[in-house]
Amino acid sequence: MPKDFSRPRRVAEQIQRELADLVRLELKDPRVGMVTLTGVDVTPDYAHAKVYVTLLGDAEQVDKALVGLQSAAGFLRSQLARRMKLRITPQLHFLYDNTVANGAHLSQLIDAALADKASE
């Protein structure tokens, strides 16, 4: 079996699917709006999982959403334990994934540079 599709990777993908479903359907915290889970990294011993999220909004909205997700981490972990048959359900750590925002910023810079070049 190829090493690039190892068990930790499969578990991380399953956690991402289940958490996306839980956040969308079960989480009632008003601080957590329309968040998108962009990835999950699980430690080899399955004790911790870094959950990367992104959302539209300013820094204040991002901070509120992260606080809301972190306060719901216990609930999400217990629901995850019911849905997945793992010996150890990882502690959830939510982190903001700024790659989407960085990509949009770079795209704006490229568009501005091209516009300047065209005007010359």
Protein backbone atom coordinates (compact mmCIF):
# COMPACT_ATOMS: atom_id res chain seq x y z
CA MET A 1 0.00 0.00 0.00
CA PRO A 2 1.40 3.44 -0.89
CA LYS A 3 2.69 5.47 2.02
CA ASP A 4 1.07 8.73 0.83
CA PHE A 5 -2.38 7.41 1.84
CA SER A 6 -1.44 6.33 5.34
CA ARG A 7 -3.86 5.77 8.20
CA PRO A 8 -3.25 9.17 9.89
CA ARG A 9 -4.08 10.89 6.58
CA ARG A 10 -7.29 8.87 6.20
CA VAL A 11 -8.28 9.56 9.81
CA ALA A 12 -7.62 13.29 9.32
CA GLU A 13 -9.80 13.35 6.21
CA GLN A 14 -12.60 11.55 8.03
CA ILE A 15 -12.33 13.97 10.98
CA GLN A 16 -12.57 16.89 8.53
CA ARG A 17 -15.73 15.47 6.92
CA GLU A 18 -17.39 14.73 10.26
CA LEU A 19 -16.47 18.09 11.80
CA ALA A 20 -17.74 19.99 8.75
CA ASP A 21 -21.04 18.19 9.13
CA LEU A 22 -21.18 18.83 12.89
CA VAL A 23 -20.33 22.53 12.57
CA ARG A 24 -22.93 22.99 9.86
CA LEU A 25 -25.78 21.05 11.48
CA GLU A 26 -25.20 20.80 15.24
CA LEU A 27 -23.27 23.88 16.34
CA LYS A 28 -25.58 26.70 17.44
CA ASP A 29 -22.96 29.26 18.54
CA PRO A 30 -23.74 32.63 16.89
CA ARG A 31 -20.04 33.56 16.91
CA VAL A 32 -19.35 30.73 14.48
CA GLY A 33 -20.81 31.82 11.17
CA MET A 34 -20.05 30.35 7.80
CA VAL A 35 -16.69 28.70 8.45
CA THR A 36 -15.00 26.35 6.04
CA LEU A 37 -12.73 23.60 7.27
CA THR A 38 -9.74 23.58 4.94
CA GLY A 39 -7.69 20.82 6.51
CA VAL A 40 -6.90 18.67 9.51
CA ASP A 41 -3.49 17.50 10.73
CA VAL A 42 -3.46 14.64 13.23
CA THR A 43 -0.47 13.73 15.37
CA PRO A 44 0.79 10.15 14.86
CA ASP A 45 -0.58 9.10 18.26
CA TYR A 46 -4.02 10.66 17.49
CA ALA A 47 -3.91 12.71 20.70
CA HIS A 48 -4.22 16.11 18.99
CA ALA A 49 -5.70 17.45 15.78
CA LYS A 50 -5.07 20.87 14.27
CA VAL A 51 -8.21 21.96 12.43
CA TYR A 52 -7.62 24.72 9.88
CA VAL A 53 -10.59 26.99 9.17
CA THR A 54 -11.23 29.95 6.94
CA LEU A 55 -14.09 32.43 6.73
CA LEU A 56 -14.98 35.70 5.14
CA GLY A 57 -14.76 38.68 7.43
CA ASP A 58 -12.42 40.99 9.24
CA ALA A 59 -9.96 40.08 11.98
CA GLU A 60 -12.55 40.65 14.72
CA GLN A 61 -14.98 38.17 13.13
CA VAL A 62 -12.18 35.64 12.71
CA ASP A 63 -11.21 35.98 16.37
CA LYS A 64 -14.84 35.58 17.50
CA ALA A 65 -15.28 32.49 15.33
CA LEU A 66 -12.07 30.91 16.66
CA VAL A 67 -13.14 31.59 20.26
CA GLY A 68 -16.55 30.08 19.51
CA LEU A 69 -15.02 27.00 17.92
CA GLN A 70 -12.55 26.55 20.76
CA SER A 71 -15.32 26.83 23.35
CA ALA A 72 -17.31 24.19 21.43
CA ALA A 73 -14.28 21.89 21.08
CA GLY A 74 -15.42 19.62 23.91
CA PHE A 75 -18.89 19.20 22.40
CA LEU A 76 -17.45 18.62 18.94
CA ARG A 77 -14.97 16.08 20.32
CA SER A 78 -17.71 14.13 22.10
CA GLN A 79 -19.86 14.08 18.96
CA LEU A 80 -16.83 13.02 16.93
CA ALA A 81 -16.21 10.15 19.35
CA ARG A 82 -19.77 8.92 18.77
CA ARG A 83 -19.47 9.10 14.99
CA MET A 84 -16.00 7.62 14.61
CA LYS A 85 -14.76 4.39 16.10
CA LEU A 86 -11.34 5.48 17.35
CA ARG A 87 -9.64 4.29 20.50
CA ILE A 88 -8.45 7.86 21.10
CA THR A 89 -10.46 10.87 19.98
CA PRO A 90 -8.03 13.76 19.50
CA GLN A 91 -8.10 17.10 21.29
CA LEU A 92 -9.22 19.70 18.74
CA HIS A 93 -7.18 22.87 18.17
CA PHE A 94 -8.70 25.39 15.76
CA LEU A 95 -6.37 27.60 13.71
CA TYR A 96 -7.15 30.25 11.10
CA ASP A 97 -5.95 29.31 7.61
CA ASN A 98 -4.91 32.52 5.88
CA THR A 99 -3.90 30.96 2.55
CA VAL A 100 -7.19 32.01 0.92
CA ALA A 101 -6.75 35.62 2.06
CA ASN A 102 -3.10 35.60 0.98
CA GLY A 103 -4.06 34.20 -2.43
CA ALA A 104 -6.68 36.91 -2.92
CA HIS A 105 -4.16 39.59 -1.93
CA LEU A 106 -1.54 38.25 -4.35
CA SER A 107 -4.15 38.12 -7.10
CA GLN A 108 -4.99 41.79 -6.47
CA LEU A 109 -1.29 42.71 -6.62
CA ILE A 110 -0.87 40.87 -9.93
CA ASP A 111 -3.98 42.54 -11.38
CA ALA A 112 -2.68 45.97 -10.29
CA ALA A 113 0.73 45.29 -11.83
CA LEU A 114 -0.86 44.19 -15.10
CA ALA A 115 -3.08 47.28 -15.14
CA ASP A 116 -0.03 49.51 -14.62
CA LYS A 117 1.82 47.70 -17.40
CA ALA A 118 -1.16 48.09 -19.79
CA SER A 119 -1.47 51.82 -19.05
CA GLU A 120 2.16 52.45 -20.05
